[in-house]
Amino acid sequence: MFNPFEDDSREYLALCNDEEQYSLWPHGLEIPAGWRKVYGPAARENVLDLIDRSWTDMRPKSLREANGQGDCP
């Protein structure tokens, strides 16, 4: 079965939501409500690298804010 999230031949976006959770998203598909583009379009590997570097704390923003920590771009 074809999975557009695992196609190395296409470009992707990095998305971030209000809780600062990140998502890999295929370029050309509509961005879902509640998410915004923070990077791309770029190669899948580059987007995943950005997400790995940026999303170092998996706690939602609301929990991090309780501890005084920051925002995604």
PDB file of N, CA and C in Angstrom:
ATOM      1  N   MET A   1       0.848  -1.178   0.000  1.00  0.00           N
ATOM      2  CA  MET A   1       0.000   0.000   0.000  1.00  0.00           C
ATOM      3  C   MET A   1       0.897   1.245   0.000  1.00  0.00           C
ATOM      4  N   PHE A   2       0.569   2.242  -0.803  1.00  0.00           N
ATOM      5  CA  PHE A   2       1.321   3.488  -0.925  1.00  0.00           C
ATOM      6  C   PHE A   2       1.098   4.369   0.302  1.00  0.00           C
ATOM      7  N   ASN A   3       2.190   4.880   0.870  1.00  0.00           N
ATOM      8  CA  ASN A   3       2.116   5.780   2.010  1.00  0.00           C
ATOM      9  C   ASN A   3       2.830   7.080   1.636  1.00  0.00           C
ATOM     10  N   PRO A   4       2.100   8.195   1.459  1.00  0.00           N
ATOM     11  CA  PRO A   4       2.732   9.443   1.034  1.00  0.00           C
ATOM     12  C   PRO A   4       3.708  10.010   2.065  1.00  0.00           C
ATOM     13  N   PHE A   5       3.684   9.512   3.284  1.00  0.00           N
ATOM     14  CA  PHE A   5       4.591   9.992   4.330  1.00  0.00           C
ATOM     15  C   PHE A   5       5.940   9.280   4.292  1.00  0.00           C
ATOM     16  N   GLU A   6       6.081   8.283   3.443  1.00  0.00           N
ATOM     17  CA  GLU A   6       7.327   7.517   3.364  1.00  0.00           C
ATOM     18  C   GLU A   6       7.901   7.489   1.951  1.00  0.00           C
ATOM     19  N   ASP A   7       7.534   8.457   1.140  1.00  0.00           N
ATOM     20  CA  ASP A   7       7.990   8.529  -0.241  1.00  0.00           C
ATOM     21  C   ASP A   7       9.192   9.468  -0.330  1.00  0.00           C
ATOM     22  N   ASP A   8      10.392   8.902  -0.411  1.00  0.00           N
ATOM     23  CA  ASP A   8      11.610   9.710  -0.444  1.00  0.00           C
ATOM     24  C   ASP A   8      11.744  10.548  -1.710  1.00  0.00           C
ATOM     25  N   SER A   9      10.925  10.303  -2.717  1.00  0.00           N
ATOM     26  CA  SER A   9      11.042  11.042  -3.973  1.00  0.00           C
ATOM     27  C   SER A   9      10.256  12.358  -3.957  1.00  0.00           C
ATOM     28  N   ARG A  10       9.453  12.598  -2.934  1.00  0.00           N
ATOM     29  CA  ARG A  10       8.671  13.836  -2.907  1.00  0.00           C
ATOM     30  C   ARG A  10       9.222  14.794  -1.865  1.00  0.00           C
ATOM     31  N   GLU A  11       8.724  16.024  -1.879  1.00  0.00           N
ATOM     32  CA  GLU A  11       9.137  17.020  -0.892  1.00  0.00           C
ATOM     33  C   GLU A  11       8.117  17.055   0.237  1.00  0.00           C
ATOM     34  N   TYR A  12       8.597  17.533   1.390  1.00  0.00           N
ATOM     35  CA  TYR A  12       7.789  17.566   2.600  1.00  0.00           C
ATOM     36  C   TYR A  12       7.885  18.920   3.274  1.00  0.00           C
ATOM     37  N   LEU A  13       6.973  19.128   4.216  1.00  0.00           N
ATOM     38  CA  LEU A  13       6.966  20.294   5.084  1.00  0.00           C
ATOM     39  C   LEU A  13       7.131  19.822   6.518  1.00  0.00           C
ATOM     40  N   ALA A  14       7.646  20.706   7.358  1.00  0.00           N
ATOM     41  CA  ALA A  14       7.575  20.503   8.801  1.00  0.00           C
ATOM     42  C   ALA A  14       6.450  21.405   9.288  1.00  0.00           C
ATOM     43  N   LEU A  15       5.506  20.833  10.016  1.00  0.00           N
ATOM     44  CA  LEU A  15       4.394  21.576  10.587  1.00  0.00           C
ATOM     45  C   LEU A  15       4.534  21.619  12.089  1.00  0.00           C
ATOM     46  N   CYS A  16       3.933  22.638  12.696  1.00  0.00           N
ATOM     47  CA  CYS A  16       3.910  22.761  14.148  1.00  0.00           C
ATOM     48  C   CYS A  16       2.504  23.206  14.539  1.00  0.00           C
ATOM     49  N   ASN A  17       1.993  22.672  15.647  1.00  0.00           N
ATOM     50  CA  ASN A  17       0.663  23.077  16.095  1.00  0.00           C
ATOM     51  C   ASN A  17       0.769  23.975  17.324  1.00  0.00           C
ATOM     52  N   ASP A  18      -0.352  24.371  17.878  1.00  0.00           N
ATOM     53  CA  ASP A  18      -0.353  25.293  19.011  1.00  0.00           C
ATOM     54  C   ASP A  18       0.264  24.700  20.274  1.00  0.00           C
ATOM     55  N   GLU A  19       0.336  23.392  20.354  1.00  0.00           N
ATOM     56  CA  GLU A  19       0.994  22.736  21.493  1.00  0.00           C
ATOM     57  C   GLU A  19       2.462  22.443  21.189  1.00  0.00           C
ATOM     58  N   GLU A  20       2.950  23.002  20.054  1.00  0.00           N
ATOM     59  CA  GLU A  20       4.339  22.865  19.613  1.00  0.00           C
ATOM     60  C   GLU A  20       4.758  21.418  19.379  1.00  0.00           C
ATOM     61  N   GLN A  21       3.821  20.653  18.867  1.00  0.00           N
ATOM     62  CA  GLN A  21       4.110  19.309  18.402  1.00  0.00           C
ATOM     63  C   GLN A  21       4.399  19.417  16.913  1.00  0.00           C
ATOM     64  N   TYR A  22       5.358  18.657  16.433  1.00  0.00           N
ATOM     65  CA  TYR A  22       5.778  18.733  15.040  1.00  0.00           C
ATOM     66  C   TYR A  22       5.233  17.560  14.243  1.00  0.00           C
ATOM     67  N   SER A  23       5.122  17.794  12.925  1.00  0.00           N
ATOM     68  CA  SER A  23       4.671  16.748  12.020  1.00  0.00           C
ATOM     69  C   SER A  23       5.377  16.881  10.682  1.00  0.00           C
ATOM     70  N   LEU A  24       5.737  15.751  10.112  1.00  0.00           N
ATOM     71  CA  LEU A  24       6.181  15.669   8.726  1.00  0.00           C
ATOM     72  C   LEU A  24       4.924  15.672   7.873  1.00  0.00           C
ATOM     73  N   TRP A  25       4.887  16.519   6.814  1.00  0.00           N
ATOM     74  CA  TRP A  25       3.682  16.609   6.002  1.00  0.00           C
ATOM     75  C   TRP A  25       4.051  16.663   4.522  1.00  0.00           C
ATOM     76  N   PRO A  26       3.443  15.825   3.695  1.00  0.00           N
ATOM     77  CA  PRO A  26       3.741  15.846   2.259  1.00  0.00           C
ATOM     78  C   PRO A  26       3.386  17.199   1.636  1.00  0.00           C
ATOM     79  N   HIS A  27       4.356  17.777   0.934  1.00  0.00           N
ATOM     80  CA  HIS A  27       4.128  19.038   0.219  1.00  0.00           C
ATOM     81  C   HIS A  27       3.057  18.813  -0.840  1.00  0.00           C
ATOM     82  N   GLY A  28       2.157  19.760  -0.962  1.00  0.00           N
ATOM     83  CA  GLY A  28       1.088  19.658  -1.952  1.00  0.00           C
ATOM     84  C   GLY A  28      -0.230  19.209  -1.356  1.00  0.00           C
ATOM     85  N   LEU A  29      -0.207  18.631  -0.163  1.00  0.00           N
ATOM     86  CA  LEU A  29      -1.452  18.286   0.526  1.00  0.00           C
ATOM     87  C   LEU A  29      -1.863  19.466   1.401  1.00  0.00           C
ATOM     88  N   GLU A  30      -3.147  19.661   1.547  1.00  0.00           N
ATOM     89  CA  GLU A  30      -3.647  20.759   2.363  1.00  0.00           C
ATOM     90  C   GLU A  30      -3.176  20.603   3.809  1.00  0.00           C
ATOM     91  N   ILE A  31      -2.704  21.711   4.367  1.00  0.00           N
ATOM     92  CA  ILE A  31      -2.263  21.709   5.765  1.00  0.00           C
ATOM     93  C   ILE A  31      -3.509  21.676   6.646  1.00  0.00           C
ATOM     94  N   PRO A  32      -3.559  20.743   7.591  1.00  0.00           N
ATOM     95  CA  PRO A  32      -4.748  20.619   8.437  1.00  0.00           C
ATOM     96  C   PRO A  32      -4.936  21.835   9.345  1.00  0.00           C
ATOM     97  N   ALA A  33      -6.177  22.096   9.702  1.00  0.00           N
ATOM     98  CA  ALA A  33      -6.499  23.178  10.634  1.00  0.00           C
ATOM     99  C   ALA A  33      -5.730  22.967  11.933  1.00  0.00           C
ATOM    100  N   GLY A  34      -5.218  24.044  12.487  1.00  0.00           N
ATOM    101  CA  GLY A  34      -4.501  23.976  13.749  1.00  0.00           C
ATOM    102  C   GLY A  34      -3.004  23.768  13.592  1.00  0.00           C
ATOM    103  N   TRP A  35      -2.543  23.613  12.362  1.00  0.00           N
ATOM    104  CA  TRP A  35      -1.117  23.413  12.083  1.00  0.00           C
ATOM    105  C   TRP A  35      -0.616  24.541  11.201  1.00  0.00           C
ATOM    106  N   ARG A  36       0.687  24.859  11.309  1.00  0.00           N
ATOM    107  CA  ARG A  36       1.301  25.862  10.443  1.00  0.00           C
ATOM    108  C   ARG A  36       2.632  25.344   9.943  1.00  0.00           C
ATOM    109  N   LYS A  37       2.997  25.801   8.760  1.00  0.00           N
ATOM    110  CA  LYS A  37       4.274  25.405   8.167  1.00  0.00           C
ATOM    111  C   LYS A  37       5.396  26.159   8.865  1.00  0.00           C
ATOM    112  N   VAL A  38       6.452  25.414   9.261  1.00  0.00           N
ATOM    113  CA  VAL A  38       7.625  26.045   9.857  1.00  0.00           C
ATOM    114  C   VAL A  38       8.890  25.786   9.043  1.00  0.00           C
ATOM    115  N   TYR A  39       8.794  24.894   8.041  1.00  0.00           N
ATOM    116  CA  TYR A  39       9.959  24.588   7.209  1.00  0.00           C
ATOM    117  C   TYR A  39       9.504  23.848   5.962  1.00  0.00           C
ATOM    118  N   GLY A  40      10.223  24.109   4.869  1.00  0.00           N
ATOM    119  CA  GLY A  40       9.994  23.371   3.646  1.00  0.00           C
ATOM    120  C   GLY A  40       9.306  24.213   2.595  1.00  0.00           C
ATOM    121  N   PRO A  41       9.101  23.647   1.440  1.00  0.00           N
ATOM    122  CA  PRO A  41       9.308  22.244   1.102  1.00  0.00           C
ATOM    123  C   PRO A  41      10.785  21.894   0.968  1.00  0.00           C
ATOM    124  N   ALA A  42      11.080  20.656   1.334  1.00  0.00           N
ATOM    125  CA  ALA A  42      12.442  20.136   1.278  1.00  0.00           C
ATOM    126  C   ALA A  42      12.387  18.614   1.230  1.00  0.00           C
ATOM    127  N   ALA A  43      13.552  18.016   1.014  1.00  0.00           N
ATOM    128  CA  ALA A  43      13.653  16.557   1.000  1.00  0.00           C
ATOM    129  C   ALA A  43      13.217  15.997   2.353  1.00  0.00           C
ATOM    130  N   ARG A  44      12.630  14.826   2.317  1.00  0.00           N
ATOM    131  CA  ARG A  44      12.123  14.172   3.538  1.00  0.00           C
ATOM    132  C   ARG A  44      13.181  14.122   4.635  1.00  0.00           C
ATOM    133  N   GLU A  45      14.389  13.712   4.276  1.00  0.00           N
ATOM    134  CA  GLU A  45      15.473  13.604   5.258  1.00  0.00           C
ATOM    135  C   GLU A  45      15.782  14.952   5.911  1.00  0.00           C
ATOM    136  N   ASN A  46      15.780  16.034   5.124  1.00  0.00           N
ATOM    137  CA  ASN A  46      16.048  17.362   5.675  1.00  0.00           C
ATOM    138  C   ASN A  46      14.954  17.809   6.634  1.00  0.00           C
ATOM    139  N   VAL A  47      13.709  17.513   6.289  1.00  0.00           N
ATOM    140  CA  VAL A  47      12.599  17.884   7.169  1.00  0.00           C
ATOM    141  C   VAL A  47      12.663  17.084   8.467  1.00  0.00           C
ATOM    142  N   LEU A  48      12.932  15.785   8.357  1.00  0.00           N
ATOM    143  CA  LEU A  48      13.053  14.970   9.567  1.00  0.00           C
ATOM    144  C   LEU A  48      14.208  15.440  10.443  1.00  0.00           C
ATOM    145  N   ASP A  49      15.318  15.853   9.829  1.00  0.00           N
ATOM    146  CA  ASP A  49      16.446  16.384  10.601  1.00  0.00           C
ATOM    147  C   ASP A  49      16.034  17.646  11.354  1.00  0.00           C
ATOM    148  N   LEU A  50      15.317  18.538  10.679  1.00  0.00           N
ATOM    149  CA  LEU A  50      14.845  19.760  11.337  1.00  0.00           C
ATOM    150  C   LEU A  50      13.939  19.425  12.516  1.00  0.00           C
ATOM    151  N   ILE A  51      13.026  18.496  12.319  1.00  0.00           N
ATOM    152  CA  ILE A  51      12.116  18.101  13.395  1.00  0.00           C
ATOM    153  C   ILE A  51      12.907  17.500  14.560  1.00  0.00           C
ATOM    154  N   ASP A  52      13.877  16.647  14.261  1.00  0.00           N
ATOM    155  CA  ASP A  52      14.702  16.052  15.320  1.00  0.00           C
ATOM    156  C   ASP A  52      15.448  17.116  16.114  1.00  0.00           C
ATOM    157  N   ARG A  53      15.970  18.137  15.419  1.00  0.00           N
ATOM    158  CA  ARG A  53      16.716  19.207  16.103  1.00  0.00           C
ATOM    159  C   ARG A  53      15.790  20.132  16.890  1.00  0.00           C
ATOM    160  N   SER A  54      14.592  20.345  16.398  1.00  0.00           N
ATOM    161  CA  SER A  54      13.682  21.331  16.988  1.00  0.00           C
ATOM    162  C   SER A  54      12.806  20.777  18.097  1.00  0.00           C
ATOM    163  N   TRP A  55      12.374  19.537  17.940  1.00  0.00           N
ATOM    164  CA  TRP A  55      11.401  18.960  18.882  1.00  0.00           C
ATOM    165  C   TRP A  55      12.147  18.101  19.885  1.00  0.00           C
ATOM    166  N   THR A  56      12.849  18.758  20.768  1.00  0.00           N
ATOM    167  CA  THR A  56      13.689  18.043  21.728  1.00  0.00           C
ATOM    168  C   THR A  56      12.949  17.705  23.020  1.00  0.00           C
ATOM    169  N   ASP A  57      11.823  18.331  23.233  1.00  0.00           N
ATOM    170  CA  ASP A  57      11.025  18.077  24.433  1.00  0.00           C
ATOM    171  C   ASP A  57       9.625  17.705  23.974  1.00  0.00           C
ATOM    172  N   MET A  58       9.238  16.462  24.177  1.00  0.00           N
ATOM    173  CA  MET A  58       7.968  15.969  23.653  1.00  0.00           C
ATOM    174  C   MET A  58       6.754  16.443  24.464  1.00  0.00           C
ATOM    175  N   ARG A  59       6.990  17.128  25.563  1.00  0.00           N
ATOM    176  CA  ARG A  59       5.852  17.621  26.350  1.00  0.00           C
ATOM    177  C   ARG A  59       5.119  18.710  25.575  1.00  0.00           C
ATOM    178  N   PRO A  60       3.788  18.769  25.681  1.00  0.00           N
ATOM    179  CA  PRO A  60       3.032  19.829  25.022  1.00  0.00           C
ATOM    180  C   PRO A  60       3.422  21.211  25.575  1.00  0.00           C
ATOM    181  N   LYS A  61       3.220  22.234  24.766  1.00  0.00           N
ATOM    182  CA  LYS A  61       3.558  23.608  25.147  1.00  0.00           C
ATOM    183  C   LYS A  61       2.936  23.993  26.487  1.00  0.00           C
ATOM    184  N   SER A  62       1.676  23.632  26.701  1.00  0.00           N
ATOM    185  CA  SER A  62       0.998  24.015  27.940  1.00  0.00           C
ATOM    186  C   SER A  62       1.741  23.482  29.164  1.00  0.00           C
ATOM    187  N   LEU A  63       2.299  22.304  29.067  1.00  0.00           N
ATOM    188  CA  LEU A  63       3.057  21.746  30.184  1.00  0.00           C
ATOM    189  C   LEU A  63       4.422  22.425  30.308  1.00  0.00           C
ATOM    190  N   ARG A  64       5.084  22.676  29.168  1.00  0.00           N
ATOM    191  CA  ARG A  64       6.382  23.360  29.211  1.00  0.00           C
ATOM    192  C   ARG A  64       6.253  24.775  29.740  1.00  0.00           C
ATOM    193  N   GLU A  65       5.183  25.480  29.352  1.00  0.00           N
ATOM    194  CA  GLU A  65       4.974  26.840  29.838  1.00  0.00           C
ATOM    195  C   GLU A  65       4.835  26.869  31.350  1.00  0.00           C
ATOM    196  N   ALA A  66       4.253  25.839  31.903  1.00  0.00           N
ATOM    197  CA  ALA A  66       4.146  25.751  33.363  1.00  0.00           C
ATOM    198  C   ALA A  66       5.547  25.719  33.992  1.00  0.00           C
ATOM    199  N   ASN A  67       6.536  25.268  33.192  1.00  0.00           N
ATOM    200  CA  ASN A  67       7.917  25.230  33.660  1.00  0.00           C
ATOM    201  C   ASN A  67       8.759  26.347  33.073  1.00  0.00           C
ATOM    202  N   GLY A  68       8.130  27.327  32.359  1.00  0.00           N
ATOM    203  CA  GLY A  68       8.811  28.492  31.823  1.00  0.00           C
ATOM    204  C   GLY A  68       9.687  28.249  30.606  1.00  0.00           C
ATOM    205  N   GLN A  69       9.288  27.352  29.693  1.00  0.00           N
ATOM    206  CA  GLN A  69      10.077  27.084  28.490  1.00  0.00           C
ATOM    207  C   GLN A  69       9.376  27.612  27.245  1.00  0.00           C
ATOM    208  N   GLY A  70      10.130  27.731  26.114  1.00  0.00           N
ATOM    209  CA  GLY A  70       9.770  28.525  24.945  1.00  0.00           C
ATOM    210  C   GLY A  70       8.878  27.957  23.867  1.00  0.00           C
ATOM    211  N   ASP A  71       8.924  28.642  22.716  1.00  0.00           N
ATOM    212  CA  ASP A  71       8.036  28.416  21.580  1.00  0.00           C
ATOM    213  C   ASP A  71       8.773  27.835  20.380  1.00  0.00           C
ATOM    214  N   CYS A  72       8.015  27.203  19.464  1.00  0.00           N
ATOM    215  CA  CYS A  72       8.581  26.811  18.177  1.00  0.00           C
ATOM    216  C   CYS A  72       8.530  28.020  17.254  1.00  0.00           C
ATOM    217  N   PRO A  73       9.285  27.993  16.163  1.00  0.00           N
ATOM    218  CA  PRO A  73       9.365  29.164  15.283  1.00  0.00           C
ATOM    219  C   PRO A  73       8.016  29.598  14.731  1.00  0.00           C
TER     220      PRO A  73
END
